Protein backbone atom coordinates (compact mmCIF):
# COMPACT_ATOMS: atom_id res chain seq x y z
CA MET A 1 102.91 123.21 160.39
CA ARG A 2 106.13 124.89 159.27
CA ASN A 3 106.42 122.52 156.30
CA ARG A 4 103.24 124.01 154.79
CA LEU A 5 105.19 126.99 153.44
CA THR A 6 107.22 124.65 151.22
CA ALA A 7 104.01 123.14 149.82
CA PHE A 8 102.53 126.60 149.22
CA ILE A 9 105.67 127.77 147.39
CA LEU A 10 105.73 124.67 145.17
CA THR A 11 102.02 125.14 144.44
CA GLY A 12 102.69 128.76 143.54
CA MET A 13 105.46 127.70 141.14
CA VAL A 14 103.25 125.16 139.34
CA LEU A 15 100.26 127.50 139.12
CA GLY A 16 102.49 130.33 137.94
CA VAL A 17 103.79 128.29 135.00
CA ILE A 18 100.30 127.05 134.08
CA VAL A 19 98.64 130.48 134.28
CA GLY A 20 101.57 132.07 132.44
CA PHE A 21 101.31 129.48 129.68
CA VAL A 22 97.57 130.13 129.27
CA ALA A 23 98.13 133.89 129.28
CA ASN A 24 100.86 133.52 126.65
CA LEU A 25 98.50 131.57 124.39
CA TRP A 26 95.89 134.29 124.88
CA VAL A 27 97.94 137.50 124.49
CA GLY A 28 101.35 136.24 123.35
CA GLY A 29 100.77 137.48 119.79
CA ASP A 30 100.55 141.08 120.99
CA GLU A 31 103.88 141.99 122.59
CA THR A 32 102.58 145.20 124.17
CA LEU A 33 99.52 143.53 125.69
CA ALA A 34 101.62 140.56 126.87
CA LYS A 35 103.98 142.91 128.73
CA GLN A 36 101.01 144.70 130.27
CA VAL A 37 99.46 141.44 131.52
CA ALA A 38 102.84 140.22 132.73
CA GLY A 39 103.27 143.50 134.60
CA TYR A 40 100.11 142.83 136.59
CA PHE A 41 101.26 139.30 137.38
CA HIS A 42 104.65 140.61 138.49
CA LEU A 43 102.94 143.11 140.79
CA LEU A 44 102.62 140.31 143.35
CA ALA A 45 106.37 139.66 143.22
CA ASP A 46 107.13 143.38 143.30
CA ILE A 47 105.03 143.85 146.44
CA PHE A 48 106.87 140.98 148.13
CA LEU A 49 110.30 142.32 147.11
CA HIS A 50 109.34 145.79 148.37
CA LEU A 51 108.37 144.28 151.72
CA ILE A 52 111.65 142.35 151.82
CA LYS A 53 113.62 145.52 151.11
CA MET A 54 111.63 147.23 153.86
CA ILE A 55 112.93 144.82 156.50
CA ILE A 56 116.44 143.99 155.18
CA ALA A 57 118.29 147.02 156.59
CA PRO A 58 116.92 146.95 160.18
CA LEU A 59 117.18 143.15 160.19
CA VAL A 60 120.85 143.13 159.16
CA PHE A 61 121.74 145.98 161.52
CA SER A 62 119.99 144.62 164.61
CA THR A 63 121.07 140.97 164.23
CA LEU A 64 124.68 141.90 163.43
CA VAL A 65 125.07 144.39 166.29
CA ALA A 66 123.43 141.99 168.76
CA GLY A 67 125.63 139.15 167.53
CA ILE A 68 128.87 141.13 167.87
CA ALA A 69 127.85 142.44 171.29
CA HIS A 70 127.50 138.85 172.50
CA MET A 71 130.68 137.65 170.78
CA GLY A 72 132.78 138.97 173.62
CA ASP A 73 136.03 139.95 171.92
CA SER A 74 137.20 141.43 168.63
CA ALA A 75 139.76 138.63 168.15
CA ALA A 76 136.94 136.13 167.64
CA LEU A 77 135.34 138.50 165.13
CA GLY A 78 138.58 138.77 163.16
CA ARG A 79 139.10 135.01 163.21
CA ILE A 80 135.57 134.29 161.98
CA GLY A 81 135.87 136.97 159.28
CA GLY A 82 139.21 135.55 158.11
CA ARG A 83 137.84 132.02 157.89
CA ALA A 84 134.76 133.26 156.05
CA LEU A 85 136.80 135.15 153.45
CA ALA A 86 139.11 132.15 152.97
CA TRP A 87 136.09 129.91 152.30
CA PHE A 88 134.58 132.51 149.94
CA ILE A 89 137.76 132.84 147.86
CA ILE A 90 138.26 129.07 147.52
CA ALA A 91 134.57 128.52 146.68
CA SER A 92 134.70 131.29 144.05
CA LEU A 93 137.77 129.78 142.36
CA ILE A 94 136.16 126.34 142.31
CA SER A 95 132.91 127.73 140.87
CA LEU A 96 134.68 129.72 138.16
CA THR A 97 136.88 126.75 137.23
CA LEU A 98 133.94 124.35 137.11
CA GLY A 99 132.06 126.70 134.79
CA LEU A 100 135.11 126.86 132.53
CA ILE A 101 135.40 123.07 132.44
CA PHE A 102 131.74 122.47 131.61
CA VAL A 103 131.45 125.14 128.91
CA ASN A 104 134.54 123.72 127.17
CA PHE A 105 133.24 120.16 127.51
CA PHE A 106 129.70 120.83 126.18
CA GLN A 107 130.59 123.61 123.69
CA PRO A 108 127.00 125.02 123.82
CA GLY A 109 127.85 127.96 121.54
CA ALA A 110 129.59 125.93 118.83
CA GLY A 111 127.87 126.05 115.44
CA LEU A 112 125.71 129.10 116.13
CA ASN A 113 127.95 131.19 113.84
CA LEU A 114 126.78 134.58 115.07
CA VAL A 115 128.23 137.58 113.21
CA ARG A 116 129.80 140.46 115.10
CA SER A 117 127.91 143.68 114.36
CA GLY A 118 129.08 146.16 116.98
CA VAL A 119 125.54 146.70 118.30
CA GLU A 120 125.29 147.81 121.93
CA SER A 121 124.62 145.06 124.47
CA GLY A 122 122.01 147.08 126.34
CA VAL A 123 123.77 146.35 129.66
CA ASN A 124 125.34 149.20 131.61
CA THR A 125 128.82 148.23 132.78
CA GLU A 126 129.73 151.62 134.25
CA ALA A 127 128.66 150.43 137.71
CA LEU A 128 131.41 147.80 137.67
CA ASN A 129 134.42 149.71 138.94
CA PHE A 130 136.59 148.10 141.62
CA ARG A 131 137.93 151.39 142.97
CA ASP A 132 134.45 152.84 143.32
CA PHE A 133 133.29 149.61 144.93
CA ILE A 134 135.98 149.83 147.61
CA LEU A 135 134.98 153.43 148.34
CA HIS A 136 131.29 152.49 148.28
CA VAL A 137 131.83 149.96 151.08
CA PHE A 138 132.37 152.76 153.60
CA PRO A 139 129.19 154.76 154.31
CA THR A 140 128.96 158.53 154.55
CA SER A 141 125.54 158.25 156.20
CA MET A 142 123.96 155.34 158.04
CA VAL A 143 120.53 156.71 157.15
CA GLY A 144 121.51 156.83 153.48
CA ALA A 145 122.91 153.28 153.61
CA MET A 146 119.67 151.97 155.09
CA ALA A 147 117.55 153.96 152.63
CA GLU A 148 119.46 152.41 149.72
CA ASN A 149 119.65 148.94 151.33
CA SER A 150 123.42 148.96 150.85
CA ILE A 151 124.24 145.76 152.73
CA LEU A 152 128.02 146.21 152.89
CA GLN A 153 127.71 149.76 154.22
CA ILE A 154 125.25 148.56 156.86
CA VAL A 155 127.68 145.76 157.79
CA VAL A 156 130.57 148.21 158.19
CA PHE A 157 128.55 150.59 160.40
CA SER A 158 127.17 147.66 162.42
CA LEU A 159 130.71 146.35 163.01
CA PHE A 160 131.73 149.70 164.48
CA VAL A 161 128.63 149.86 166.69
CA GLY A 162 128.90 146.24 167.85
CA VAL A 163 132.62 146.47 168.69
CA ALA A 164 132.08 149.81 170.45
CA LEU A 165 129.26 148.33 172.57
CA THR A 166 131.60 145.53 173.59
CA ALA A 167 134.32 148.04 174.46
CA ILE A 168 132.17 150.22 176.75
CA GLY A 169 130.95 147.19 178.72
CA ASP A 170 128.15 147.75 181.24
CA LYS A 171 127.40 151.24 179.95
CA GLY A 172 126.20 149.70 176.69
CA LYS A 173 123.88 147.09 178.23
CA PRO A 174 120.72 149.23 177.92
CA ILE A 175 121.44 149.72 174.20
CA VAL A 176 122.09 145.99 173.74
CA THR A 177 118.74 145.27 175.41
CA VAL A 178 116.97 147.64 173.01
CA ILE A 179 118.72 146.11 170.00
CA GLU A 180 117.79 142.58 171.13
CA ALA A 181 114.17 143.70 171.38
CA MET A 182 114.52 145.17 167.89
CA VAL A 183 115.77 141.80 166.64
CA ASP A 184 112.71 140.02 168.04
CA LEU A 185 110.46 142.71 166.57
CA MET A 186 111.99 142.47 163.09
CA LEU A 187 111.86 138.67 163.13
CA GLN A 188 108.16 138.85 163.97
CA VAL A 189 107.63 141.26 161.06
CA THR A 190 109.65 138.89 158.87
CA GLY A 191 107.25 136.09 159.75
CA TYR A 192 104.34 138.19 158.51
CA VAL A 193 106.16 139.13 155.28
CA MET A 194 107.04 135.52 154.47
CA ARG A 195 103.35 134.67 154.22
CA VAL A 196 103.31 136.62 150.96
CA ALA A 197 106.08 134.45 149.45
CA PRO A 198 103.84 131.87 147.67
CA PHE A 199 101.92 134.68 145.92
CA ALA A 200 105.20 136.31 144.89
CA VAL A 201 106.45 133.01 143.48
CA PHE A 202 103.24 132.64 141.47
CA GLY A 203 103.46 136.19 140.11
CA ALA A 204 107.15 136.03 139.17
CA LEU A 205 106.82 132.82 137.15
CA ALA A 206 103.46 133.72 135.57
CA SER A 207 104.97 137.03 134.44
CA VAL A 208 108.04 135.62 132.71
CA VAL A 209 106.14 132.75 131.05
CA THR A 210 103.49 135.22 129.78
CA THR A 211 106.06 137.27 127.88
CA GLU A 212 108.61 134.64 126.90
CA GLY A 213 106.38 131.58 126.59
CA VAL A 214 107.38 128.04 127.47
CA GLY A 215 108.73 127.73 123.92
CA VAL A 216 111.78 129.81 124.80
CA LEU A 217 112.95 126.91 126.96
CA LYS A 218 112.91 124.67 123.88
CA THR A 219 114.77 127.19 121.73
CA PHE A 220 117.55 127.64 124.27
CA GLY A 221 117.09 124.20 125.80
CA GLN A 222 120.65 123.02 125.19
CA LEU A 223 122.22 126.09 126.78
CA ILE A 224 119.90 126.00 129.80
CA GLY A 225 120.20 122.23 130.24
CA GLU A 226 123.99 122.22 130.12
CA PHE A 227 124.20 125.17 132.49
CA TYR A 228 121.95 123.39 134.98
CA LEU A 229 124.09 120.25 134.69
CA ALA A 230 127.09 122.40 135.59
CA LEU A 231 125.14 123.84 138.54
CA GLY A 232 124.23 120.28 139.59
CA ALA A 233 127.92 119.37 139.66
CA LEU A 234 128.62 122.46 141.76
CA TRP A 235 125.82 121.48 144.17
CA LEU A 236 127.44 118.05 144.57
CA LEU A 237 130.82 119.64 145.28
CA LEU A 238 129.30 122.04 147.80
CA PHE A 239 127.43 119.18 149.44
CA ALA A 240 130.63 117.10 149.62
CA ALA A 241 132.61 120.02 151.08
CA GLY A 242 129.89 120.65 153.65
CA SER A 243 129.72 116.95 154.56
CA ILE A 244 133.43 116.92 155.38
CA PHE A 245 132.75 119.35 158.23
CA LEU A 246 129.10 118.69 159.09
CA GLY A 247 128.91 114.93 158.51
CA LYS A 248 125.36 113.57 158.50
CA ARG A 249 123.99 116.94 159.60
CA MET A 250 124.57 118.10 156.03
CA PHE A 251 121.39 116.24 155.02
CA LYS A 252 119.47 118.05 157.76
CA LEU A 253 120.86 121.40 156.63
CA ILE A 254 119.44 120.82 153.14
CA ARG A 255 116.02 120.11 154.66
CA TYR A 256 116.16 123.28 156.75
CA VAL A 257 117.16 125.60 153.90
CA ARG A 258 114.88 124.18 151.21
CA GLU A 259 112.35 126.98 151.68
CA PRO A 260 114.80 129.89 151.19
CA ILE A 261 116.28 128.01 148.21
CA LEU A 262 112.82 127.64 146.66
CA ILE A 263 112.08 131.32 147.25
CA ALA A 264 115.41 132.31 145.69
CA PHE A 265 114.85 129.98 142.72
CA SER A 266 111.33 131.12 141.90
CA THR A 267 111.88 134.86 142.43
CA ALA A 268 115.50 134.93 141.16
CA SER A 269 116.29 137.14 144.17
CA SER A 270 118.78 136.31 146.91
CA GLU A 271 117.40 139.23 148.91
CA ALA A 272 113.96 137.61 148.96
CA ALA A 273 115.41 134.50 150.62
CA TYR A 274 117.54 136.35 153.20
CA PRO A 275 115.02 136.70 156.06
CA LYS A 276 113.89 133.08 155.79
CA MET A 277 117.52 131.98 155.64
CA LEU A 278 118.20 133.69 158.97
CA GLU A 279 115.33 131.82 160.57
CA GLN A 280 116.28 128.42 159.15
CA LEU A 281 119.97 128.72 160.04
CA ASP A 282 118.92 129.67 163.56
CA ARG A 283 116.70 126.59 163.78
CA PHE A 284 119.55 124.46 162.39
CA GLY A 285 121.74 125.49 165.33
CA VAL A 286 123.84 128.37 164.01
CA PRO A 287 124.14 131.06 166.75
CA ARG A 288 123.01 134.57 165.92
CA ARG A 289 126.47 136.02 166.45
CA ILE A 290 127.77 133.82 163.60
CA TYR A 291 125.06 134.00 160.96
CA SER A 292 124.41 137.70 161.50
CA PHE A 293 128.05 138.41 160.55
CA VAL A 294 128.89 135.72 157.97
CA LEU A 295 125.66 135.74 155.94
CA PRO A 296 125.72 139.46 154.94
CA LEU A 297 129.36 139.05 153.90
CA GLY A 298 128.45 135.96 151.90
CA TYR A 299 125.70 137.81 150.07
CA SER A 300 128.36 140.19 148.74
CA PHE A 301 131.40 137.93 148.32
CA ASN A 302 130.21 134.31 148.14
CA LEU A 303 128.14 134.07 144.95
CA ASP A 304 128.95 130.54 143.78
CA GLY A 305 126.21 130.30 141.15
CA SER A 306 126.96 133.75 139.74
CA MET A 307 130.66 132.90 139.54
CA MET A 308 129.95 129.78 137.48
CA TYR A 309 127.55 131.69 135.25
CA SER A 310 130.18 134.37 134.58
CA THR A 311 132.71 131.98 133.05
CA PHE A 312 130.05 129.83 131.39
CA ALA A 313 128.34 132.78 129.68
CA THR A 314 131.59 134.53 128.69
CA ILE A 315 133.07 131.48 126.94
CA PHE A 316 129.65 130.55 125.47
CA ILE A 317 129.43 133.94 123.73
CA ALA A 318 132.96 133.54 122.37
CA GLN A 319 131.99 130.10 121.01
CA ALA A 320 128.77 131.47 119.49
CA TYR A 321 130.80 134.00 117.47
CA GLY A 322 133.33 131.37 116.40
CA ILE A 323 136.19 132.87 118.43
CA ASP A 324 138.73 130.29 119.57
CA LEU A 325 140.24 131.29 122.89
CA PRO A 326 143.53 129.67 123.96
CA ILE A 327 143.45 128.03 127.39
CA ALA A 328 145.88 130.67 128.70
CA THR A 329 143.43 133.41 127.73
CA GLN A 330 140.56 131.51 129.34
CA ILE A 331 142.52 131.21 132.59
CA THR A 332 143.26 134.94 132.44
CA ILE A 333 139.52 135.60 132.00
CA LEU A 334 138.86 133.40 135.03
CA LEU A 335 141.32 135.37 137.17
CA VAL A 336 139.89 138.70 135.99
CA LEU A 337 136.38 137.50 136.86
CA MET A 338 137.64 136.45 140.27
CA VAL A 339 138.58 140.08 141.00
CA THR A 340 135.90 142.07 139.16
CA SER A 341 133.02 139.94 140.43
CA LYS A 342 133.76 141.08 143.99
CA GLY A 343 132.62 144.56 143.07
CA ILE A 344 129.07 143.71 142.03
CA ALA A 345 127.22 144.22 145.31
CA ALA A 346 123.99 146.17 144.75
CA VAL A 347 124.53 146.26 140.94
CA PRO A 348 121.30 145.40 139.07
CA ARG A 349 121.58 142.18 136.98
CA ALA A 350 125.09 141.90 138.38
CA SER A 351 126.11 138.70 136.56
CA LEU A 352 125.24 140.15 133.14
CA VAL A 353 127.14 143.33 134.02
CA VAL A 354 130.23 141.29 134.91
CA VAL A 355 129.99 139.24 131.71
CA ALA A 356 129.54 142.35 129.53
CA ALA A 357 132.48 144.12 131.19
CA THR A 358 134.72 141.06 130.80
CA LEU A 359 133.82 140.64 127.12
CA GLY A 360 134.73 144.27 126.48
CA GLN A 361 138.02 143.93 128.34
CA PHE A 362 139.12 141.03 126.11
CA ASP A 363 137.77 142.56 122.88
CA LEU A 364 135.03 139.95 122.60
CA PRO A 365 131.57 140.78 121.15
CA VAL A 366 129.71 142.51 123.98
CA GLU A 367 126.49 142.41 121.96
CA GLY A 368 126.47 138.66 122.60
CA VAL A 369 124.93 139.43 126.00
CA ALA A 370 121.71 140.39 124.21
CA PHE A 371 121.55 136.88 122.73
CA ILE A 372 121.12 135.25 126.14
CA LEU A 373 118.84 137.92 127.59
CA ALA A 374 115.73 135.96 126.58
CA VAL A 375 116.62 133.10 128.93
CA ASP A 376 118.66 135.00 131.48
CA HIS A 377 115.77 134.90 133.97
CA PHE A 378 115.62 131.10 133.83
CA MET A 379 119.38 130.85 134.28
CA ASP A 380 119.24 133.49 137.01
CA MET A 381 116.81 131.30 138.95
CA GLY A 382 119.38 128.50 139.10
CA ARG A 383 122.38 130.65 139.92
CA THR A 384 120.49 132.54 142.63
CA ALA A 385 119.37 129.32 144.32
CA THR A 386 123.00 128.14 144.16
CA ASN A 387 124.18 131.38 145.79
CA VAL A 388 121.75 130.81 148.67
CA LEU A 389 122.80 127.17 149.11
CA GLY A 390 126.49 128.12 149.04
CA ASN A 391 126.02 130.73 151.76
CA ALA A 392 124.00 128.35 153.94
CA ILE A 393 126.78 125.76 153.74
CA ALA A 394 129.53 128.33 154.27
CA THR A 395 127.85 129.79 157.36
CA SER A 396 127.20 126.34 158.86
CA VAL A 397 130.72 125.10 158.17
CA ILE A 398 132.33 128.18 159.72
CA THR A 399 130.10 127.70 162.79
CA LYS A 400 131.22 124.08 163.06
CA TRP A 401 134.81 125.20 162.51
CA GLU A 402 134.42 127.52 165.48
CA GLY A 403 132.96 124.68 167.57
CA MET A 404 129.75 126.65 168.10
CA LEU A 405 127.18 124.59 166.16
CA GLU A 406 124.23 123.84 168.44
CA VAL A 407 121.57 121.13 168.44
CA GLU A 408 118.95 121.78 165.77
CA GLU A 409 115.24 122.13 166.36
CA PRO A 410 113.22 119.12 165.16
CA ILE A 411 111.81 119.80 161.69
CA ASP A 412 108.57 117.97 162.44
CA GLY A 413 107.78 120.24 165.38
CA SER A 414 108.27 117.56 168.05
CA PRO A 415 109.76 118.62 171.40
CA PRO A 416 113.48 119.45 171.19
CA LYS A 417 115.97 116.97 172.57
CA ALA A 418 118.15 119.66 174.10
CA PRO A 419 117.32 122.44 176.58
CA ALA A 420 116.07 125.66 175.12
CA HIS A 421 118.73 128.18 174.10
CA THR A 422 119.03 131.52 175.77
CA PRO A 423 118.62 134.81 173.91
CA ALA A 424 122.37 135.34 174.31
CA HIS A 425 122.83 132.55 171.81
CA GLY A 426 120.41 134.28 169.52
CA ARG A 427 117.59 131.75 169.28
CA GLY A 428 114.76 133.15 171.38
CA GLY A 429 113.44 135.71 168.88
CA LEU A 430 113.39 133.40 165.91
CA GLU A 431 111.64 130.65 167.83
CA LEU A 432 109.06 133.20 168.96
CA ALA A 433 108.39 134.35 165.39
CA SER A 434 108.15 130.81 164.05
CA ASP A 435 105.92 129.57 166.89
CA MET A 436 103.53 132.50 166.52
CA ILE A 437 103.19 131.77 162.82
CA ASP A 438 102.46 128.12 163.67
CA ASP A 439 99.85 129.17 166.25
CA ASP A 440 98.15 131.40 163.70
CA ARG A 441 98.04 128.58 161.20
CA LYS A 442 96.61 126.12 163.71
CA GLY A 443 94.00 128.67 164.62
């Protein structure tokens, strides 16, 4: 049964916390030994993330090229891209504003009375440069882009290839056939990789609890709790926005994407959830030519959870140091974050980098970033899951907007109510991968 993966992931989460707690009691007093034990736990997550990175580049390239080749005309591509960017910009502004509202309402940093010392934050902000980001979007080598898993560069190259295949017509059909076979192949490999997900979830959580201990949640409980309340409000807004377009199918979308959301939450990695997200959106009824184009863009430009975290953390640090920021300055910070946050693709710990760079730009204590480092992983789990949810809703809404949303596959595995979709609509390969996994499990 497909639903078994959800149960395995939840089991991995629970066992990870329990084993991490026991390990922390055992070796927590020795920081060096705790890090060593945590490193072995995290090996499971590292293996999974390595496997994910192994398949990301060929998966993005093949699905995007195949999708564009079947789209038919470049006008449709431009229209879909324009609608996607419009949704991303509006969603980013809402997320940033909501974070600003909640951090001012709760005042989580008030009363901490931290003293500015001028100590380095420990976060490298040199990678955050909008000019370099724009230049980085355009690849000098497709091989290099794939080797570095640079999603935006792969998207740009794939756009050229897909549009060119459409332009040359019948001459390109043999190449399209090969790429479609590559899609089916990579989706089958993805099915194998996803079997490792529950072990990765276990390792990731056991590792962080071993070093930090469950007690860190109590120490920073107010900050984490209020941030998750803000995320909950954002989830409600996203759900409401999605319901306007999708109606009752919004509830079904949540059921379909729960597994990639759980993977993203427990591993704090959007990349880890990407392959499963492709499969679930396909099963929900989003054609390949839509999700293969919109989803990679969303992973770079539609980071709703990270947007909220950026304003929340920036103002929290100002509060913690007793710095009163006028509302005009806070709005300026919001607008700056709106621009600078679009240049964080492929930047490690991107949200912290954005926060550190913004603090420095407004002469706020950059060393405040170090104060929240202890719980950044727990906050990262929430914002990453929110990013995945936001992209699932955005992709589905744009598909509905285009009038291309198809009938979903039954979640319980019962026979579909509609005729099977053809490979031209992008569903054959994913169904094959999912069904083979089911057959293996039944066997």
